[in-house]
Structures are given as structure tokens and as C-alpha cells.
Amino acid sequence: MKTKLFGVFGNPIIHSKSPALHNKAFADFAHVLGFQGEYRAILLQEGAHLKEEFVKLGLSGANITAPFKEIAYSLSDAQQGVAKELKALNTWVLEGGRVVGYNTDVQGFYAPLEALEMPITHALVIGAGGSARAVAHSLRAHGVHVSVVNRSVQRLNPFKAQGLTCFISAEFAPKPYDLVVNATSAGMDGVSLPLEGALLHELLRQTHIAYDLIYSVKTPFLQMAQDLGVRTLDGKAMLIAQAALSFGYFCAGHVPYAEILESMQEA
């Protein structure tokens, strides 16, 4: 049976659980797909080399994680669906010799929130990169009023253009939110916070749900929220949901989403 290669690009990437999820699904559904899939983690130093590496490695598809989601959009031969609106994506598929980009973060992000069945009307997103764009888009699609806070003002411009309330962290004053999302990489080192400590403490003290997209470690952001009695979510459920959606593109829709999700949850 023919083998096709897939992977996930990021920096850092050693923490990634994506290979375990995708390799389990490829093993489970090889008889349906007619090929063996092999999926690996790929450390990328420079985003400008992303497409070059994709082609050199002979990949049939890939996921792209921080900090390369925006440059992946610009390097794609074509973009589909919500990726066009966000100008950021997390999935590449080789289709007819072209590298086509998709974004599965938007759907993947909201699935764990639906399971909580808690009302969310106002949310704050910390960060302004590709993941933050997907989060803001997903929340707005569900009727949530979204605000964004970021350290620098320049990256807030795309959010301002959409009419979102935006703050730079130096001028941000905490107020009550139903949901606060850390869409930055702060905390992946187990030490750093996405906002200054006292500011974040006051913010989380008035928050109902704290959601960190990071899944590899228990972040200081989530630890602080937990210490304050706030309901917490990490990125594991989102990881599995967006991975199952990406796998659907890798297998050209030949395996139903529910079956992919079940396989990955077992992994």
C-alpha cells in the first residue's frame, strides 16, 4: 500500500500531540483511504521557508501552528472557506499540485464551550495573532461581543477594522467578562503570563470561564484562574476537534467527522 507523508510545522513543536492523533486515525482508516499515512512533527526556524520545506519533504498535507499561521496564508497557492476572511490558516493540503489552505481552528475552538452549556455574551481575547483571529471569528459567529487586548497596537488593526473593541495592555482596565481566552504562546514555558500579573489577577477575579489554547502544559494563566475558582478549559478538546476537521481534508472527506473524532479521542 502506498505511503503518503503529512506533518505539523511549528516553533516550538516538540510538545505537539498532533502526530499521535493523526497517526492513530491513519492506521484506523487506511483500508478506507487506500494508503498508509505517516504524520510527523517538523521544527521550522523561518516562516519564509515553510512552503519550500513542505515541497522538499514531499508532503501531501500539513498542519501549521504558532507562529506561522499568517505567513502560511500568504504562501498558499489558494485559500478556502473562513481562511479567506481571517488571512490565517492551520491546514495545508496538496490538491492537483497546488498547496491549498484551510482553517479548522474556528470550528475546533468553540466545541468545548458548547459542551459547557454556560451563557457567554461578552468575551476578551488576549493576543492578536492568527489564533486570536480564529477565536474572535468563532465567538462573533455565535453572537458573542468580543474585545481584544494585545501588547502592541499594530497587530490590533485587523480587529479594529472588523469593529471589535481593542485595547493595548498598558491601557487596559479589567472589567467582568463571561470568557477570557489566552490566544498567545505565553505560558508554554510554564512561567510566563499573557498580561502583567496584577492586571491578569484582577481580570480573572471577574471572569466566569478562562480558556487557554495551550494544551502541552498547565499554564500559569490557568493556574491563576483555578486558584480564583474560575472554570477553566485548556486546548486539548480544541486540538482534537480541529485535528479531526483537518484530517477530513487530508482524506478528501472519505471518512465521516464523527468517526475521525472518535479515533482521535481514543488516541
Protein backbone atom coordinates (compact mmCIF):
# COMPACT_ATOMS: atom_id res chain seq x y z
CA MET A 1 0.00 0.00 0.00
CA LYS A 2 1.34 3.46 -0.92
CA THR A 3 2.56 5.76 1.88
CA LYS A 4 1.73 9.47 1.98
CA LEU A 5 3.57 11.89 4.24
CA PHE A 6 1.96 14.56 6.43
CA GLY A 7 3.21 16.75 9.26
CA VAL A 8 2.81 19.72 11.57
CA PHE A 9 5.08 22.79 11.35
CA GLY A 10 5.78 24.97 14.36
CA ASN A 11 8.37 26.50 16.67
CA PRO A 12 8.47 25.08 19.29
CA ILE A 13 6.99 21.77 18.12
CA ILE A 14 8.44 19.04 20.35
CA HIS A 15 5.36 19.28 22.60
CA SER A 16 2.90 18.55 19.78
CA LYS A 17 0.36 15.75 20.26
CA SER A 18 -0.81 16.03 16.65
CA PRO A 19 1.35 13.12 15.38
CA ALA A 20 -0.28 10.75 17.90
CA LEU A 21 -3.78 11.85 16.86
CA HIS A 22 -3.24 11.71 13.10
CA ASN A 23 -1.17 8.52 13.04
CA LYS A 24 -3.88 6.74 15.03
CA ALA A 25 -6.51 7.90 12.52
CA PHE A 26 -4.37 6.98 9.52
CA ALA A 27 -3.88 3.49 10.96
CA ASP A 28 -7.61 3.10 11.67
CA PHE A 29 -8.76 4.23 8.23
CA ALA A 30 -6.00 3.02 5.88
CA HIS A 31 -8.40 0.40 4.49
CA VAL A 32 -10.84 3.17 3.52
CA LEU A 33 -8.24 5.59 2.19
CA GLY A 34 -6.20 3.09 0.18
CA PHE A 35 -2.90 4.47 1.50
CA GLN A 36 -0.79 4.47 4.64
CA GLY A 37 -0.42 7.90 6.20
CA GLU A 38 2.68 8.94 8.13
CA TYR A 39 2.48 12.16 10.15
CA ARG A 40 5.43 13.83 11.91
CA ALA A 41 6.32 16.98 13.86
CA ILE A 42 8.58 19.38 11.93
CA LEU A 43 10.55 22.17 13.59
CA LEU A 44 10.68 25.25 11.35
CA GLN A 45 13.06 28.11 12.12
CA GLU A 46 11.94 30.62 9.49
CA GLY A 47 8.37 31.04 8.28
CA ALA A 48 9.59 32.17 4.88
CA HIS A 49 10.85 28.61 4.27
CA LEU A 50 7.51 26.95 5.08
CA LYS A 51 6.36 26.16 1.55
CA GLU A 52 9.88 25.24 0.48
CA GLU A 53 10.06 22.68 3.31
CA PHE A 54 6.57 21.36 2.54
CA VAL A 55 7.58 20.67 -1.07
CA LYS A 56 11.07 19.37 -0.22
CA LEU A 57 9.65 16.82 2.25
CA GLY A 58 7.11 15.62 -0.29
CA LEU A 59 4.13 16.21 2.00
CA SER A 60 0.55 15.60 0.92
CA GLY A 61 -0.79 17.76 3.73
CA ALA A 62 0.25 19.58 6.88
CA ASN A 63 -0.94 21.46 9.89
CA ILE A 64 0.65 24.80 10.74
CA THR A 65 0.83 26.07 14.29
CA ALA A 66 2.29 29.12 16.02
CA PRO A 67 3.88 31.33 14.92
CA PHE A 68 3.35 30.55 11.22
CA LYS A 69 -0.42 30.69 10.63
CA GLU A 70 -0.41 34.08 8.94
CA ILE A 71 2.59 33.50 6.70
CA ALA A 72 1.04 30.13 5.73
CA TYR A 73 -1.88 32.11 4.35
CA SER A 74 0.36 34.30 2.20
CA LEU A 75 2.40 31.35 0.92
CA SER A 76 -0.62 29.25 -0.11
CA ASP A 77 -1.49 28.83 -3.79
CA ALA A 78 -5.16 29.15 -2.82
CA GLN A 79 -7.27 29.52 0.31
CA GLN A 80 -10.71 28.12 1.03
CA GLY A 81 -13.58 28.93 3.40
CA VAL A 82 -13.10 31.01 6.50
CA ALA A 83 -9.32 31.19 5.96
CA LYS A 84 -10.00 33.86 3.32
CA GLU A 85 -11.66 36.10 5.91
CA LEU A 86 -9.08 35.53 8.63
CA LYS A 87 -5.99 35.66 6.40
CA ALA A 88 -4.61 32.97 8.71
CA LEU A 89 -4.81 29.20 8.46
CA ASN A 90 -3.66 25.99 10.11
CA THR A 91 -4.07 23.35 7.38
CA TRP A 92 -2.43 22.79 4.01
CA VAL A 93 -3.49 20.13 1.51
CA LEU A 94 -1.79 19.31 -1.78
CA GLU A 95 -4.61 19.38 -4.32
CA GLY A 96 -3.82 18.96 -8.01
CA GLY A 97 -0.26 20.15 -7.48
CA ARG A 98 -1.37 23.28 -5.60
CA VAL A 99 -0.96 23.99 -1.88
CA VAL A 100 -4.48 24.87 -0.69
CA GLY A 101 -5.06 26.39 2.75
CA TYR A 102 -7.91 25.85 5.22
CA ASN A 103 -8.67 26.99 8.77
CA THR A 104 -10.12 24.40 11.16
CA ASP A 105 -9.35 26.41 14.32
CA VAL A 106 -12.63 28.34 14.10
CA GLN A 107 -14.87 25.28 14.45
CA GLY A 108 -12.45 23.48 16.71
CA PHE A 109 -12.28 26.32 19.23
CA TYR A 110 -15.98 26.56 20.03
CA ALA A 111 -16.75 22.85 20.50
CA PRO A 112 -15.59 22.69 24.17
CA LEU A 113 -17.58 25.84 25.03
CA GLU A 114 -20.78 24.32 23.66
CA ALA A 115 -20.24 21.31 25.90
CA LEU A 116 -20.13 23.57 28.99
CA GLU A 117 -23.63 24.92 28.27
CA MET A 118 -22.82 28.20 30.05
CA PRO A 119 -24.10 31.54 28.69
CA ILE A 120 -21.41 33.66 27.00
CA THR A 121 -22.28 37.18 25.88
CA HIS A 122 -19.02 39.08 26.44
CA ALA A 123 -15.53 37.70 25.86
CA LEU A 124 -11.98 39.04 25.97
CA VAL A 125 -9.29 37.60 23.70
CA ILE A 126 -5.68 38.11 24.78
CA GLY A 127 -3.38 38.24 21.75
CA ALA A 128 -3.68 39.36 18.15
CA GLY A 129 -2.10 36.65 16.00
CA GLY A 130 -3.61 34.02 13.73
CA SER A 131 -5.12 32.01 16.59
CA ALA A 132 -6.72 35.15 18.05
CA ARG A 133 -8.33 35.88 14.68
CA ALA A 134 -9.87 32.41 14.59
CA VAL A 135 -11.10 32.73 18.18
CA ALA A 136 -12.67 36.16 17.60
CA HIS A 137 -14.34 34.98 14.39
CA SER A 138 -15.75 31.88 16.10
CA LEU A 139 -17.13 33.84 19.05
CA ARG A 140 -18.71 36.52 16.86
CA ALA A 141 -20.36 33.81 14.75
CA HIS A 142 -22.06 32.65 17.95
CA GLY A 143 -23.33 36.13 18.82
CA VAL A 144 -20.68 36.97 21.43
CA HIS A 145 -19.44 40.55 21.89
CA VAL A 146 -15.67 40.31 21.54
CA SER A 147 -12.91 42.57 22.87
CA VAL A 148 -9.20 42.09 22.15
CA VAL A 149 -6.16 43.12 24.20
CA ASN A 150 -2.59 42.95 22.93
CA ARG A 151 0.81 44.31 23.94
CA SER A 152 1.36 46.24 20.69
CA VAL A 153 -1.13 48.37 18.79
CA GLN A 154 -0.08 47.46 15.23
CA ARG A 155 -1.41 43.89 15.30
CA LEU A 156 -4.78 45.14 16.55
CA ASN A 157 -5.55 46.89 13.25
CA PRO A 158 -7.30 43.89 11.59
CA PHE A 159 -9.54 43.57 14.66
CA LYS A 160 -10.32 47.28 14.70
CA ALA A 161 -11.24 47.04 11.02
CA GLN A 162 -13.90 44.49 12.00
CA GLY A 163 -15.34 46.90 14.56
CA LEU A 164 -14.08 45.00 17.61
CA THR A 165 -13.26 46.77 20.87
CA CYS A 166 -9.47 46.80 21.15
CA PHE A 167 -7.02 47.70 23.91
CA ILE A 168 -3.27 47.73 24.29
CA SER A 169 -2.35 46.01 27.54
CA ALA A 170 -0.66 49.10 29.02
CA GLU A 171 -4.00 50.96 28.89
CA PHE A 172 -6.37 48.07 29.64
CA ALA A 173 -8.64 48.29 32.71
CA PRO A 174 -10.14 44.94 33.83
CA LYS A 175 -13.92 44.51 33.93
CA PRO A 176 -16.25 41.47 34.11
CA TYR A 177 -16.25 39.02 31.19
CA ASP A 178 -18.03 35.71 30.76
CA LEU A 179 -14.97 34.32 28.99
CA VAL A 180 -11.28 35.24 28.78
CA VAL A 181 -9.15 33.43 26.18
CA ASN A 182 -5.37 33.27 26.13
CA ALA A 183 -4.59 33.11 22.41
CA THR A 184 -0.88 33.83 22.89
CA SER A 185 2.01 31.40 23.41
CA ALA A 186 2.70 32.88 26.86
CA GLY A 187 2.72 30.06 29.39
CA MET A 188 4.08 27.38 27.10
CA ASP A 189 7.31 27.72 29.07
CA GLY A 190 5.40 27.08 32.30
CA VAL A 191 6.35 30.51 33.65
CA SER A 192 5.17 33.50 31.60
CA LEU A 193 1.78 35.22 31.70
CA PRO A 194 -0.08 36.83 28.76
CA LEU A 195 -0.64 40.03 30.78
CA GLU A 196 1.09 41.67 33.74
CA GLY A 197 0.44 39.59 36.87
CA ALA A 198 -1.63 42.02 38.99
CA LEU A 199 -3.65 43.08 35.95
CA LEU A 200 -4.41 39.48 34.99
CA HIS A 201 -5.34 38.60 38.58
CA GLU A 202 -7.89 41.42 38.72
CA LEU A 203 -9.26 40.42 35.30
CA LEU A 204 -9.67 36.73 36.16
CA ARG A 205 -11.25 37.60 39.51
CA GLN A 206 -14.21 38.94 37.47
CA THR A 207 -14.30 36.13 34.88
CA HIS A 208 -16.57 33.06 34.62
CA ILE A 209 -14.52 30.92 32.18
CA ALA A 210 -10.78 31.01 31.45
CA TYR A 211 -9.76 29.22 28.25
CA ASP A 212 -6.12 28.69 27.24
CA LEU A 213 -5.38 27.40 23.74
CA ILE A 214 -2.14 25.84 25.05
CA TYR A 215 -2.53 22.15 25.87
CA SER A 216 1.01 20.87 26.44
CA VAL A 217 1.42 22.26 29.98
CA LYS A 218 -0.77 23.63 32.73
CA THR A 219 -0.11 27.32 32.17
CA PRO A 220 0.28 29.97 34.89
CA PHE A 221 -2.76 31.67 33.31
CA LEU A 222 -4.95 28.63 34.02
CA GLN A 223 -3.37 28.02 37.42
CA MET A 224 -4.20 31.58 38.46
CA ALA A 225 -7.76 31.18 37.21
CA GLN A 226 -8.16 27.88 39.04
CA ASP A 227 -6.82 29.41 42.27
CA LEU A 228 -9.51 32.07 41.95
CA GLY A 229 -12.26 29.47 41.48
CA VAL A 230 -12.80 30.23 37.79
CA ARG A 231 -13.99 27.47 35.42
CA THR A 232 -11.05 26.51 33.17
CA LEU A 233 -10.52 24.94 29.77
CA ASP A 234 -7.23 24.08 28.13
CA GLY A 235 -6.55 23.43 24.46
CA LYS A 236 -6.91 19.63 24.43
CA ALA A 237 -10.53 19.45 23.24
CA MET A 238 -9.87 22.15 20.65
CA LEU A 239 -6.77 20.30 19.49
CA ILE A 240 -8.72 17.11 18.86
CA ALA A 241 -11.65 18.87 17.18
CA GLN A 242 -9.51 20.93 14.80
CA ALA A 243 -7.30 17.90 14.11
CA ALA A 244 -10.32 15.78 13.15
CA LEU A 245 -11.50 18.53 10.81
CA SER A 246 -8.02 18.77 9.25
CA PHE A 247 -7.90 15.00 8.80
CA GLY A 248 -11.18 15.32 6.90
CA TYR A 249 -9.35 17.49 4.37
CA PHE A 250 -6.35 15.13 4.31
CA CYS A 251 -8.64 12.23 3.41
CA ALA A 252 -10.77 14.27 0.97
CA GLY A 253 -13.91 13.65 3.02
CA HIS A 254 -13.83 9.85 2.67
CA VAL A 255 -14.16 9.31 6.44
CA PRO A 256 -17.02 10.91 8.44
CA TYR A 257 -16.01 13.53 11.00
CA ALA A 258 -17.64 11.66 13.91
CA GLU A 259 -15.56 8.56 13.19
CA ILE A 260 -12.33 10.58 12.94
CA LEU A 261 -13.15 12.34 16.21
CA GLU A 262 -13.77 9.04 17.98
CA SER A 263 -10.46 7.62 16.73
CA MET A 264 -8.52 10.68 17.88
CA GLN A 265 -10.23 10.78 21.26
CA GLU A 266 -9.05 7.21 21.80
CA ALA A 267 -5.50 8.32 20.98
